[in-house]
Amino acid sequence: MLRRNRAIRASVGFTAFAAVSALTLTACGSGAQGGSGGGTKVGLITKTDTNPFFVKMKEGAEQAAKDNGIELVSAAGKFDGDNAGQVAAIENMLSSGVKGILITPNDSKAIVPALAKARAKGVLVIALDSPTEPQDATDALFATDNVKAGDLIGRYAKAAMAGKEAKIATLDLAPGVAVGVQRHQGFLTGFGIAEGDPSVVCMQDTGGDQAKGQTAMENCLQKSPNINVVYTINEPAALGAYTALKARGLERKVLVVSVDGGCIGTKAVKEGKIAATSQQYPLQMASQGVKAVADFAKGGKRASGYTDTGVTLITDAAQPGVDAKDTAYGLEKCWG
């Protein structure tokens, strides 16, 4: 289930006006600069335009578009989970004549019909960061191996516990989002347990938000005060959990692990607020995706399959048997 070749899978209630109002749509750059680009446009649709991960992704796409002499049109959902906004963005981009669309889907399943419409029009569709369900609803996927990212911090947490009985809280993303499912499942496998294992004493969704992460941790501590391991979907959720733990004087007694590797999160690892994080590379996802669209526009070659854009465990307290780099390395490679 969890091997790379088969693990990159996951698991409109708005009016048209509401859907359009739920997104931000901007054109970046000045289009093709001569050469064979010929006025080619590429669309980038991220989950939101506020998360530093997606800000860095957009920066990578802008630079790659400039390097390849094509125009970038960007859009974002109003919030993490805003499928209607992303559907409206696809429709707008199709009307503008994009050659390719890069998307980090807010809902892995619900976005599929809109993507099918784009592909039927001959548009190259590439998922970034999060796969669709099914994965072949897009031509290609450029992403972190999110199962591996979860597995790394799961194995790290297991080693760090050194045989001590674990009482685990998982602070997850949201239902229907493949990246959240994959990281969660990877963590469980890395820790050596299965879904439903009694060592997982609390599960809460956070939407990857810091304030919601704090509330989720508070709720978990009310339910199970003896929690000693916390898995978080990302570093904002981890920092929210840390705030809740510190308020109870537990910040040095509970092991917190996470995924993302942003600069704020990596600094939190250096400061001891987070024990370890799996660092991913959004700039690589975007730049490689834009290059694929540029190549398609020039020669008609469609990108296909899955491209792993890399993941590295970052910690200053390495554990035996778990490959890792320290925070000095992480801060050189971080984003945000």
C-alpha atoms as a PDB file:
ATOM      1  CA  MET A   1       0.000   0.000   0.000  1.00  0.00           C
ATOM      2  CA  LEU A   2       2.779   2.344   0.847  1.00  0.00           C
ATOM      3  CA  ARG A   3       5.330   1.864  -1.907  1.00  0.00           C
ATOM      4  CA  ARG A   4       6.109   4.878  -4.015  1.00  0.00           C
ATOM      5  CA  ASN A   5       4.842   3.418  -7.296  1.00  0.00           C
ATOM      6  CA  ARG A   6       1.366   2.874  -5.905  1.00  0.00           C
ATOM      7  CA  ALA A   7       1.108   5.073  -2.862  1.00  0.00           C
ATOM      8  CA  ILE A   8       0.589   8.449  -4.546  1.00  0.00           C
ATOM      9  CA  ARG A   9      -3.190   8.298  -4.210  1.00  0.00           C
ATOM     10  CA  ALA A  10      -5.651   9.368  -1.574  1.00  0.00           C
ATOM     11  CA  SER A  11      -8.046   8.671  -0.339  1.00  0.00           C
ATOM     12  CA  VAL A  12     -21.142  22.677  -6.361  1.00  0.00           C
ATOM     13  CA  GLY A  13     -22.668  23.843  -3.200  1.00  0.00           C
ATOM     14  CA  PHE A  14     -21.793  27.465  -4.124  1.00  0.00           C
ATOM     15  CA  THR A  15     -23.546  29.727  -6.599  1.00  0.00           C
ATOM     16  CA  ALA A  16     -21.514  30.849  -9.589  1.00  0.00           C
ATOM     17  CA  PHE A  17     -21.036  34.237  -7.965  1.00  0.00           C
ATOM     18  CA  ALA A  18     -19.810  32.747  -4.721  1.00  0.00           C
ATOM     19  CA  ALA A  19     -17.417  30.456  -6.530  1.00  0.00           C
ATOM     20  CA  VAL A  20     -15.869  33.315  -8.477  1.00  0.00           C
ATOM     21  CA  SER A  21     -15.605  35.477  -5.376  1.00  0.00           C
ATOM     22  CA  ALA A  22     -13.793  32.694  -3.542  1.00  0.00           C
ATOM     23  CA  LEU A  23     -10.609  32.971  -5.581  1.00  0.00           C
ATOM     24  CA  THR A  24      -7.854  35.364  -6.487  1.00  0.00           C
ATOM     25  CA  LEU A  25      -6.884  35.466 -10.171  1.00  0.00           C
ATOM     26  CA  THR A  26      -3.841  37.379 -11.385  1.00  0.00           C
ATOM     27  CA  ALA A  27      -1.596  37.429 -14.423  1.00  0.00           C
ATOM     28  CA  CYS A  28       2.141  37.547 -13.810  1.00  0.00           C
ATOM     29  CA  GLY A  29       4.901  38.563 -16.169  1.00  0.00           C
ATOM     30  CA  SER A  30       4.618  39.983 -19.656  1.00  0.00           C
ATOM     31  CA  GLY A  31       4.044  36.864 -21.711  1.00  0.00           C
ATOM     32  CA  ALA A  32       6.429  35.233 -24.133  1.00  0.00           C
ATOM     33  CA  GLN A  33       9.667  36.985 -24.903  1.00  0.00           C
ATOM     34  CA  GLY A  34       9.948  35.847 -28.529  1.00  0.00           C
ATOM     35  CA  GLY A  35      11.355  32.386 -29.242  1.00  0.00           C
ATOM     36  CA  SER A  36       9.082  29.374 -29.611  1.00  0.00           C
ATOM     37  CA  GLY A  37       6.861  30.168 -26.608  1.00  0.00           C
ATOM     38  CA  GLY A  38       4.603  32.175 -28.941  1.00  0.00           C
ATOM     39  CA  GLY A  39       2.411  33.784 -26.277  1.00  0.00           C
ATOM     40  CA  THR A  40       1.981  30.560 -24.318  1.00  0.00           C
ATOM     41  CA  LYS A  41       0.096  30.838 -21.039  1.00  0.00           C
ATOM     42  CA  VAL A  42       0.342  28.494 -18.066  1.00  0.00           C
ATOM     43  CA  GLY A  43      -2.094  28.563 -15.163  1.00  0.00           C
ATOM     44  CA  LEU A  44      -1.189  27.930 -11.531  1.00  0.00           C
ATOM     45  CA  ILE A  45      -3.990  27.231  -9.042  1.00  0.00           C
ATOM     46  CA  THR A  46      -2.942  26.790  -5.419  1.00  0.00           C
ATOM     47  CA  LYS A  47      -5.032  25.837  -2.404  1.00  0.00           C
ATOM     48  CA  THR A  48      -4.667  29.330  -0.909  1.00  0.00           C
ATOM     49  CA  ASP A  49      -2.485  32.375  -1.522  1.00  0.00           C
ATOM     50  CA  THR A  50      -1.539  32.906   2.138  1.00  0.00           C
ATOM     51  CA  ASN A  51       0.263  29.712   3.181  1.00  0.00           C
ATOM     52  CA  PRO A  52       4.047  30.285   2.794  1.00  0.00           C
ATOM     53  CA  PHE A  53       4.324  26.926   1.033  1.00  0.00           C
ATOM     54  CA  PHE A  54       2.080  28.133  -1.788  1.00  0.00           C
ATOM     55  CA  VAL A  55       3.667  31.585  -1.798  1.00  0.00           C
ATOM     56  CA  LYS A  56       7.020  29.911  -2.491  1.00  0.00           C
ATOM     57  CA  MET A  57       5.403  27.672  -5.094  1.00  0.00           C
ATOM     58  CA  LYS A  58       4.081  30.742  -6.910  1.00  0.00           C
ATOM     59  CA  GLU A  59       7.531  32.362  -6.768  1.00  0.00           C
ATOM     60  CA  GLY A  60       9.026  29.264  -8.357  1.00  0.00           C
ATOM     61  CA  ALA A  61       6.376  29.272 -11.068  1.00  0.00           C
ATOM     62  CA  GLU A  62       6.926  32.971 -11.791  1.00  0.00           C
ATOM     63  CA  GLN A  63      10.670  32.502 -12.199  1.00  0.00           C
ATOM     64  CA  ALA A  64      10.254  29.396 -14.340  1.00  0.00           C
ATOM     65  CA  ALA A  65       7.707  31.169 -16.550  1.00  0.00           C
ATOM     66  CA  LYS A  66      10.147  34.045 -17.032  1.00  0.00           C
ATOM     67  CA  ASP A  67      12.996  31.656 -17.788  1.00  0.00           C
ATOM     68  CA  ASN A  68      10.902  29.827 -20.386  1.00  0.00           C
ATOM     69  CA  GLY A  69       9.412  32.937 -22.004  1.00  0.00           C
ATOM     70  CA  ILE A  70       5.793  32.171 -21.166  1.00  0.00           C
ATOM     71  CA  GLU A  71       3.066  33.963 -19.238  1.00  0.00           C
ATOM     72  CA  LEU A  72       1.881  32.783 -15.815  1.00  0.00           C
ATOM     73  CA  VAL A  73      -1.747  33.230 -14.778  1.00  0.00           C
ATOM     74  CA  SER A  74      -2.303  32.410 -11.100  1.00  0.00           C
ATOM     75  CA  ALA A  75      -5.305  31.792  -8.886  1.00  0.00           C
ATOM     76  CA  ALA A  76      -5.983  30.454  -5.408  1.00  0.00           C
ATOM     77  CA  GLY A  77      -8.863  29.188  -3.356  1.00  0.00           C
ATOM     78  CA  LYS A  78     -10.160  31.466  -0.640  1.00  0.00           C
ATOM     79  CA  PHE A  79      -9.438  28.797   1.981  1.00  0.00           C
ATOM     80  CA  ASP A  80      -7.956  25.311   2.218  1.00  0.00           C
ATOM     81  CA  GLY A  81     -10.762  23.085   0.962  1.00  0.00           C
ATOM     82  CA  ASP A  82     -12.337  25.612  -1.424  1.00  0.00           C
ATOM     83  CA  ASN A  83     -13.114  23.343  -4.381  1.00  0.00           C
ATOM     84  CA  ALA A  84     -15.685  25.701  -5.896  1.00  0.00           C
ATOM     85  CA  GLY A  85     -13.126  28.476  -6.135  1.00  0.00           C
ATOM     86  CA  GLN A  86     -10.678  26.179  -7.912  1.00  0.00           C
ATOM     87  CA  VAL A  87     -13.357  25.016 -10.367  1.00  0.00           C
ATOM     88  CA  ALA A  88     -14.118  28.643 -11.215  1.00  0.00           C
ATOM     89  CA  ALA A  89     -10.391  29.316 -11.670  1.00  0.00           C
ATOM     90  CA  ILE A  90     -10.105  26.441 -14.149  1.00  0.00           C
ATOM     91  CA  GLU A  91     -13.034  27.803 -16.157  1.00  0.00           C
ATOM     92  CA  ASN A  92     -11.477  31.268 -16.229  1.00  0.00           C
ATOM     93  CA  MET A  93      -8.126  29.876 -17.322  1.00  0.00           C
ATOM     94  CA  LEU A  94      -9.681  27.827 -20.107  1.00  0.00           C
ATOM     95  CA  SER A  95     -11.397  30.981 -21.343  1.00  0.00           C
ATOM     96  CA  SER A  96      -8.053  32.808 -21.323  1.00  0.00           C
ATOM     97  CA  GLY A  97      -6.441  30.138 -23.522  1.00  0.00           C
ATOM     98  CA  VAL A  98      -3.887  28.517 -21.222  1.00  0.00           C
ATOM     99  CA  LYS A  99      -1.792  25.697 -22.658  1.00  0.00           C
ATOM    100  CA  GLY A 100      -1.386  23.992 -19.314  1.00  0.00           C
ATOM    101  CA  ILE A 101      -2.776  24.104 -15.771  1.00  0.00           C
ATOM    102  CA  LEU A 102      -0.790  23.349 -12.609  1.00  0.00           C
ATOM    103  CA  ILE A 103      -3.006  22.706  -9.580  1.00  0.00           C
ATOM    104  CA  THR A 104      -2.726  21.783  -5.913  1.00  0.00           C
ATOM    105  CA  PRO A 105      -6.242  20.331  -5.542  1.00  0.00           C
ATOM    106  CA  ASN A 106      -8.306  21.348  -2.532  1.00  0.00           C
ATOM    107  CA  ASP A 107     -10.503  18.272  -2.944  1.00  0.00           C
ATOM    108  CA  SER A 108      -8.849  15.300  -4.606  1.00  0.00           C
ATOM    109  CA  LYS A 109     -12.113  13.855  -5.918  1.00  0.00           C
ATOM    110  CA  ALA A 110     -14.437  16.809  -6.426  1.00  0.00           C
ATOM    111  CA  ILE A 111     -12.019  18.642  -8.733  1.00  0.00           C
ATOM    112  CA  VAL A 112     -11.821  15.731 -11.214  1.00  0.00           C
ATOM    113  CA  PRO A 113     -14.746  16.696 -13.521  1.00  0.00           C
ATOM    114  CA  ALA A 114     -13.338  20.205 -14.018  1.00  0.00           C
ATOM    115  CA  LEU A 115      -9.914  18.780 -14.825  1.00  0.00           C
ATOM    116  CA  ALA A 116     -11.466  16.311 -17.275  1.00  0.00           C
ATOM    117  CA  LYS A 117     -13.051  19.254 -19.083  1.00  0.00           C
ATOM    118  CA  ALA A 118      -9.658  20.956 -19.341  1.00  0.00           C
ATOM    119  CA  ARG A 119      -7.947  17.830 -20.674  1.00  0.00           C
ATOM    120  CA  ALA A 120     -10.734  17.320 -23.209  1.00  0.00           C
ATOM    121  CA  LYS A 121      -9.823  20.740 -24.607  1.00  0.00           C
ATOM    122  CA  GLY A 122      -6.223  19.615 -25.086  1.00  0.00           C
ATOM    123  CA  VAL A 123      -4.836  21.393 -22.013  1.00  0.00           C
ATOM    124  CA  LEU A 124      -1.941  19.714 -20.179  1.00  0.00           C
ATOM    125  CA  VAL A 125      -2.980  19.265 -16.536  1.00  0.00           C
ATOM    126  CA  ILE A 126      -0.372  18.686 -13.829  1.00  0.00           C
ATOM    127  CA  ALA A 127      -1.025  18.213 -10.117  1.00  0.00           C
ATOM    128  CA  LEU A 128       1.504  19.741  -7.725  1.00  0.00           C
ATOM    129  CA  ASP A 129       2.003  18.588  -4.131  1.00  0.00           C
ATOM    130  CA  SER A 130      -1.340  16.753  -3.855  1.00  0.00           C
ATOM    131  CA  PRO A 131      -2.549  14.025  -6.252  1.00  0.00           C
ATOM    132  CA  THR A 132      -6.087  13.742  -7.470  1.00  0.00           C
ATOM    133  CA  GLU A 133      -8.191  10.661  -6.859  1.00  0.00           C
ATOM    134  CA  PRO A 134      -7.751   8.836  -9.130  1.00  0.00           C
ATOM    135  CA  GLN A 135      -4.227  10.013  -9.803  1.00  0.00           C
ATOM    136  CA  ASP A 136      -4.637   9.633 -13.565  1.00  0.00           C
ATOM    137  CA  ALA A 137      -7.242  12.421 -13.563  1.00  0.00           C
ATOM    138  CA  THR A 138      -4.190  14.592 -14.335  1.00  0.00           C
ATOM    139  CA  ASP A 139      -1.532  14.012 -16.964  1.00  0.00           C
ATOM    140  CA  ALA A 140       1.277  14.130 -14.406  1.00  0.00           C
ATOM    141  CA  LEU A 141       2.106  14.709 -10.745  1.00  0.00           C
ATOM    142  CA  PHE A 142       5.099  16.660  -9.400  1.00  0.00           C
ATOM    143  CA  ALA A 143       5.120  16.217  -5.639  1.00  0.00           C
ATOM    144  CA  THR A 144       6.741  15.169  -2.419  1.00  0.00           C
ATOM    145  CA  ASP A 145       6.257  11.493  -1.666  1.00  0.00           C
ATOM    146  CA  ASN A 146       3.875  12.346   1.176  1.00  0.00           C
ATOM    147  CA  VAL A 147       3.728   8.747   2.360  1.00  0.00           C
ATOM    148  CA  LYS A 148       7.515   8.813   2.723  1.00  0.00           C
ATOM    149  CA  ALA A 149       7.344  12.190   4.499  1.00  0.00           C
ATOM    150  CA  GLY A 150       4.948  10.722   7.047  1.00  0.00           C
ATOM    151  CA  ASP A 151       6.926   7.507   7.299  1.00  0.00           C
ATOM    152  CA  LEU A 152      10.138   9.410   8.110  1.00  0.00           C
ATOM    153  CA  ILE A 153       8.661  11.263  11.062  1.00  0.00           C
ATOM    154  CA  GLY A 154       6.848   8.127  12.202  1.00  0.00           C
ATOM    155  CA  ARG A 155      10.093   6.159  12.278  1.00  0.00           C
ATOM    156  CA  TYR A 156      11.808   9.072  13.982  1.00  0.00           C
ATOM    157  CA  ALA A 157       9.114   9.291  16.685  1.00  0.00           C
ATOM    158  CA  LYS A 158       9.244   5.533  17.271  1.00  0.00           C
ATOM    159  CA  ALA A 159      13.026   5.642  17.699  1.00  0.00           C
ATOM    160  CA  ALA A 160      12.870   8.713  19.936  1.00  0.00           C
ATOM    161  CA  MET A 161      10.376   7.013  22.266  1.00  0.00           C
ATOM    162  CA  ALA A 162      13.005   4.299  22.878  1.00  0.00           C
ATOM    163  CA  GLY A 163      10.468   1.642  23.875  1.00  0.00           C
ATOM    164  CA  LYS A 164       8.329   3.908  26.062  1.00  0.00           C
ATOM    165  CA  GLU A 165       4.581   3.341  25.729  1.00  0.00           C
ATOM    166  CA  ALA A 166       3.165   5.893  23.293  1.00  0.00           C
ATOM    167  CA  LYS A 167      -0.019   7.888  23.698  1.00  0.00           C
ATOM    168  CA  ILE A 168      -0.413   9.550  20.325  1.00  0.00           C
ATOM    169  CA  ALA A 169      -2.469  12.504  19.113  1.00  0.00           C
ATOM    170  CA  THR A 170      -2.749  13.048  15.355  1.00  0.00           C
ATOM    171  CA  LEU A 171      -3.548  16.595  14.237  1.00  0.00           C
ATOM    172  CA  ASP A 172      -4.626  15.994  10.661  1.00  0.00           C
ATOM    173  CA  LEU A 173      -5.698  18.102   7.672  1.00  0.00           C
ATOM    174  CA  ALA A 174      -9.294  17.604   6.496  1.00  0.00           C
ATOM    175  CA  PRO A 175     -11.435  14.828   4.979  1.00  0.00           C
ATOM    176  CA  GLY A 176     -11.013  14.194   1.257  1.00  0.00           C
ATOM    177  CA  VAL A 177      -7.533  15.723   0.870  1.00  0.00           C
ATOM    178  CA  ALA A 178      -5.028  13.171  -0.420  1.00  0.00           C
ATOM    179  CA  VAL A 179      -1.920  14.824   1.041  1.00  0.00           C
ATOM    180  CA  GLY A 180      -3.390  14.634   4.546  1.00  0.00           C
ATOM    181  CA  VAL A 181      -4.407  11.005   4.172  1.00  0.00           C
ATOM    182  CA  GLN A 182      -1.000  10.012   2.847  1.00  0.00           C
ATOM    183  CA  ARG A 183       1.003  11.768   5.552  1.00  0.00           C
ATOM    184  CA  HIS A 184      -1.232  10.322   8.262  1.00  0.00           C
ATOM    185  CA  GLN A 185      -0.958   6.783   6.903  1.00  0.00           C
ATOM    186  CA  GLY A 186       2.778   7.158   6.390  1.00  0.00           C
ATOM    187  CA  PHE A 187       3.234   8.274   9.998  1.00  0.00           C
ATOM    188  CA  LEU A 188       1.312   5.267  11.325  1.00  0.00           C
ATOM    189  CA  THR A 189       3.335   2.859   9.202  1.00  0.00           C
ATOM    190  CA  GLY A 190       6.615   4.492  10.182  1.00  0.00           C
ATOM    191  CA  PHE A 191       5.636   4.210  13.836  1.00  0.00           C
ATOM    192  CA  GLY A 192       4.766   0.557  13.261  1.00  0.00           C
ATOM    193  CA  ILE A 193       1.044   0.702  13.939  1.00  0.00           C
ATOM    194  CA  ALA A 194      -2.164   0.469  11.908  1.00  0.00           C
ATOM    195  CA  GLU A 195      -5.265   2.626  11.719  1.00  0.00           C
ATOM    196  CA  GLY A 196      -7.354   2.056  14.856  1.00  0.00           C
ATOM    197  CA  ASP A 197      -4.391   1.131  17.043  1.00  0.00           C
ATOM    198  CA  PRO A 198      -5.211   1.931  20.695  1.00  0.00           C
ATOM    199  CA  SER A 199      -2.000   3.934  21.087  1.00  0.00           C
ATOM    200  CA  VAL A 200      -3.673   6.670  19.019  1.00  0.00           C
ATOM    201  CA  VAL A 201      -5.783   8.280  21.718  1.00  0.00           C
ATOM    202  CA  CYS A 202      -6.960  11.393  19.869  1.00  0.00           C
ATOM    203  CA  MET A 203      -7.496  12.448  16.240  1.00  0.00           C
ATOM    204  CA  GLN A 204      -8.459  15.991  15.250  1.00  0.00           C
ATOM    205  CA  ASP A 205      -8.619  17.913  11.956  1.00  0.00           C
ATOM    206  CA  THR A 206      -6.869  21.285  11.842  1.00  0.00           C
ATOM    207  CA  GLY A 207      -7.008  22.412   8.214  1.00  0.00           C
ATOM    208  CA  GLY A 208      -3.274  22.999   8.617  1.00  0.00           C
ATOM    209  CA  ASP A 209      -4.073  26.170  10.593  1.00  0.00           C
ATOM    210  CA  GLN A 210      -2.148  27.292  13.683  1.00  0.00           C
ATOM    211  CA  ALA A 211      -5.143  28.496  15.688  1.00  0.00           C
ATOM    212  CA  LYS A 212      -7.073  25.326  14.865  1.00  0.00           C
ATOM    213  CA  GLY A 213      -4.000  23.295  15.750  1.00  0.00           C
ATOM    214  CA  GLN A 214      -3.969  24.896  19.187  1.00  0.00           C
ATOM    215  CA  THR A 215      -7.671  24.218  19.707  1.00  0.00           C
ATOM    216  CA  ALA A 216      -7.256  20.632  18.518  1.00  0.00           C
ATOM    217  CA  MET A 217      -4.392  20.059  20.955  1.00  0.00           C
ATOM    218  CA  GLU A 218      -6.418  21.555  23.801  1.00  0.00           C
ATOM    219  CA  ASN A 219      -9.275  19.215  22.952  1.00  0.00           C
ATOM    220  CA  CYS A 220      -6.948  16.220  22.848  1.00  0.00           C
ATOM    221  CA  LEU A 221      -5.402  17.091  26.201  1.00  0.00           C
ATOM    222  CA  GLN A 222      -8.847  17.341  27.737  1.00  0.00           C
ATOM    223  CA  LYS A 223      -9.644  13.886  26.412  1.00  0.00           C
ATOM    224  CA  SER A 224      -6.249  12.305  27.165  1.00  0.00           C
ATOM    225  CA  PRO A 225      -3.933  14.311  29.471  1.00  0.00           C
ATOM    226  CA  ASN A 226      -1.191  11.678  29.186  1.00  0.00           C
ATOM    227  CA  ILE A 227      -0.450  12.256  25.476  1.00  0.00           C
ATOM    228  CA  ASN A 228       3.305  12.059  24.837  1.00  0.00           C
ATOM    229  CA  VAL A 229       3.560  12.021  21.007  1.00  0.00           C
ATOM    230  CA  VAL A 230       1.933  14.499  18.627  1.00  0.00           C
ATOM    231  CA  TYR A 231       1.884  14.060  14.848  1.00  0.00           C
ATOM    232  CA  THR A 232       0.895  17.200  12.943  1.00  0.00           C
ATOM    233  CA  ILE A 233       0.002  17.630   9.272  1.00  0.00           C
ATOM    234  CA  ASN A 234       2.212  20.723   8.991  1.00  0.00           C
ATOM    235  CA  GLU A 235       4.236  23.185  11.033  1.00  0.00           C
ATOM    236  CA  PRO A 236       1.523  25.801  11.638  1.00  0.00           C
ATOM    237  CA  ALA A 237      -0.533  23.031  13.272  1.00  0.00           C
ATOM    238  CA  ALA A 238       2.584  21.947  15.180  1.00  0.00           C
ATOM    239  CA  LEU A 239       3.184  25.453  16.525  1.00  0.00           C
ATOM    240  CA  GLY A 240      -0.457  25.644  17.577  1.00  0.00           C
ATOM    241  CA  ALA A 241      -0.010  22.358  19.409  1.00  0.00           C
ATOM    242  CA  TYR A 242       3.160  23.676  21.052  1.00  0.00           C
ATOM    243  CA  THR A 243       1.283  26.730  22.343  1.00  0.00           C
ATOM    244  CA  ALA A 244      -1.351  24.493  23.937  1.00  0.00           C
ATOM    245  CA  LEU A 245       1.282  22.202  25.437  1.00  0.00           C
ATOM    246  CA  LYS A 246       3.296  25.119  26.824  1.00  0.00           C
ATOM    247  CA  ALA A 247       0.201  26.539  28.514  1.00  0.00           C
ATOM    248  CA  ARG A 248       0.051  23.298  30.521  1.00  0.00           C
ATOM    249  CA  GLY A 249       3.787  23.082  31.117  1.00  0.00           C
ATOM    250  CA  LEU A 250       4.089  20.054  28.845  1.00  0.00           C
ATOM    251  CA  GLU A 251       6.234  21.478  26.067  1.00  0.00           C
ATOM    252  CA  ARG A 252       9.330  19.517  27.183  1.00  0.00           C
ATOM    253  CA  LYS A 253       7.420  16.324  27.942  1.00  0.00           C
ATOM    254  CA  VAL A 254       5.663  15.737  24.616  1.00  0.00           C
ATOM    255  CA  LEU A 255       7.376  14.814  21.352  1.00  0.00           C
ATOM    256  CA  VAL A 256       6.014  16.856  18.412  1.00  0.00           C
ATOM    257  CA  VAL A 257       6.798  15.864  14.819  1.00  0.00           C
ATOM    258  CA  SER A 258       5.626  17.454  11.595  1.00  0.00           C
ATOM    259  CA  VAL A 259       5.952  17.878   7.824  1.00  0.00           C
ATOM    260  CA  ASP A 260       6.807  20.808   5.530  1.00  0.00           C
ATOM    261  CA  GLY A 261      10.251  22.284   6.277  1.00  0.00           C
ATOM    262  CA  GLY A 262       9.342  25.940   5.918  1.00  0.00           C
ATOM    263  CA  CYS A 263      11.757  28.446   7.458  1.00  0.00           C
ATOM    264  CA  ILE A 264       9.493  29.174  10.436  1.00  0.00           C
ATOM    265  CA  GLY A 265       9.037  25.452  11.051  1.00  0.00           C
ATOM    266  CA  THR A 266      12.724  24.680  10.652  1.00  0.00           C
ATOM    267  CA  LYS A 267      13.574  27.441  13.134  1.00  0.00           C
ATOM    268  CA  ALA A 268      11.049  25.855  15.506  1.00  0.00           C
ATOM    269  CA  VAL A 269      12.977  22.586  15.191  1.00  0.00           C
ATOM    270  CA  LYS A 270      16.209  24.444  15.994  1.00  0.00           C
ATOM    271  CA  GLU A 271      14.505  26.012  19.041  1.00  0.00           C
ATOM    272  CA  GLY A 272      13.236  22.631  20.254  1.00  0.00           C
ATOM    273  CA  LYS A 273       9.536  23.387  19.789  1.00  0.00           C
ATOM    274  CA  ILE A 274       9.291  20.647  17.158  1.00  0.00           C
ATOM    275  CA  ALA A 275      11.505  17.567  17.437  1.00  0.00           C
ATOM    276  CA  ALA A 276      11.711  16.809  13.711  1.00  0.00           C
ATOM    277  CA  THR A 277      10.079  17.718  10.420  1.00  0.00           C
ATOM    278  CA  SER A 278      10.079  16.245   6.918  1.00  0.00           C
ATOM    279  CA  GLN A 279      11.193  19.020   4.577  1.00  0.00           C
ATOM    280  CA  GLN A 280       9.677  19.279   1.107  1.00  0.00           C
ATOM    281  CA  TYR A 281      10.504  21.566  -1.802  1.00  0.00           C
ATOM    282  CA  PRO A 282       7.604  23.547  -3.354  1.00  0.00           C
ATOM    283  CA  LEU A 283       9.821  25.624  -5.625  1.00  0.00           C
ATOM    284  CA  GLN A 284      10.967  22.439  -7.363  1.00  0.00           C
ATOM    285  CA  MET A 285       7.390  21.295  -7.895  1.00  0.00           C
ATOM    286  CA  ALA A 286       6.366  24.565  -9.540  1.00  0.00           C
ATOM    287  CA  SER A 287       9.472  25.128 -11.652  1.00  0.00           C
ATOM    288  CA  GLN A 288       9.455  21.580 -13.012  1.00  0.00           C
ATOM    289  CA  GLY A 289       5.723  21.836 -13.730  1.00  0.00           C
ATOM    290  CA  VAL A 290       6.079  25.094 -15.650  1.00  0.00           C
ATOM    291  CA  LYS A 291       8.987  23.646 -17.633  1.00  0.00           C
ATOM    292  CA  ALA A 292       6.793  20.668 -18.572  1.00  0.00           C
ATOM    293  CA  VAL A 293       4.102  22.997 -19.912  1.00  0.00           C
ATOM    294  CA  ALA A 294       6.691  25.002 -21.854  1.00  0.00           C
ATOM    295  CA  ASP A 295       8.045  21.803 -23.417  1.00  0.00           C
ATOM    296  CA  PHE A 296       4.499  20.735 -24.298  1.00  0.00           C
ATOM    297  CA  ALA A 297       3.834  24.074 -25.975  1.00  0.00           C
ATOM    298  CA  LYS A 298       7.032  23.859 -27.998  1.00  0.00           C
ATOM    299  CA  GLY A 299       7.057  20.216 -29.018  1.00  0.00           C
ATOM    300  CA  GLY A 300       3.742  18.656 -28.070  1.00  0.00           C
ATOM    301  CA  LYS A 301       5.269  16.195 -25.588  1.00  0.00           C
ATOM    302  CA  ARG A 302       2.892  15.612 -22.684  1.00  0.00           C
ATOM    303  CA  ALA A 303       4.427  15.051 -19.253  1.00  0.00           C
ATOM    304  CA  SER A 304       3.152  11.890 -17.580  1.00  0.00           C
ATOM    305  CA  GLY A 305       3.429   9.832 -14.407  1.00  0.00           C
ATOM    306  CA  TYR A 306       4.857  10.821 -11.044  1.00  0.00           C
ATOM    307  CA  THR A 307       7.978  12.890 -10.401  1.00  0.00           C
ATOM    308  CA  ASP A 308       9.266  12.812  -6.820  1.00  0.00           C
ATOM    309  CA  THR A 309      10.526  16.299  -5.894  1.00  0.00           C
ATOM    310  CA  GLY A 310      12.262  15.088  -2.731  1.00  0.00           C
ATOM    311  CA  VAL A 311      11.894  15.011   1.062  1.00  0.00           C
ATOM    312  CA  THR A 312      14.480  15.203   3.871  1.00  0.00           C
ATOM    313  CA  LEU A 313      14.072  14.631   7.606  1.00  0.00           C
ATOM    314  CA  ILE A 314      15.346  17.666   9.540  1.00  0.00           C
ATOM    315  CA  THR A 315      16.285  17.399  13.231  1.00  0.00           C
ATOM    316  CA  ASP A 316      19.069  18.318  15.633  1.00  0.00           C
ATOM    317  CA  ALA A 317      18.442  15.173  17.679  1.00  0.00           C
ATOM    318  CA  ALA A 318      19.096  12.409  15.172  1.00  0.00           C
ATOM    319  CA  GLN A 319      17.973   8.885  16.025  1.00  0.00           C
ATOM    320  CA  PRO A 320      19.732   5.634  15.093  1.00  0.00           C
ATOM    321  CA  GLY A 321      18.502   4.080  11.867  1.00  0.00           C
ATOM    322  CA  VAL A 322      16.663   7.178  10.614  1.00  0.00           C
ATOM    323  CA  ASP A 323      18.398   9.229   7.907  1.00  0.00           C
ATOM    324  CA  ALA A 324      18.326  12.954   8.723  1.00  0.00           C
ATOM    325  CA  LYS A 325      19.993  16.311   8.179  1.00  0.00           C
ATOM    326  CA  ASP A 326      20.454  18.990  10.845  1.00  0.00           C
ATOM    327  CA  THR A 327      18.758  22.385  11.012  1.00  0.00           C
ATOM    328  CA  ALA A 328      21.746  24.123   9.433  1.00  0.00           C
ATOM    329  CA  TYR A 329      21.012  22.146   6.279  1.00  0.00           C
ATOM    330  CA  GLY A 330      17.278  22.715   6.694  1.00  0.00           C
ATOM    331  CA  LEU A 331      17.657  26.478   7.002  1.00  0.00           C
ATOM    332  CA  GLU A 332      19.683  26.563   3.784  1.00  0.00           C
ATOM    333  CA  LYS A 333      16.890  24.748   1.936  1.00  0.00           C
ATOM    334  CA  CYS A 334      13.780  26.142   3.667  1.00  0.00           C
ATOM    335  CA  TRP A 335      11.097  28.383   2.196  1.00  0.00           C
ATOM    336  CA  GLY A 336       8.751  31.074   3.478  1.00  0.00           C
END
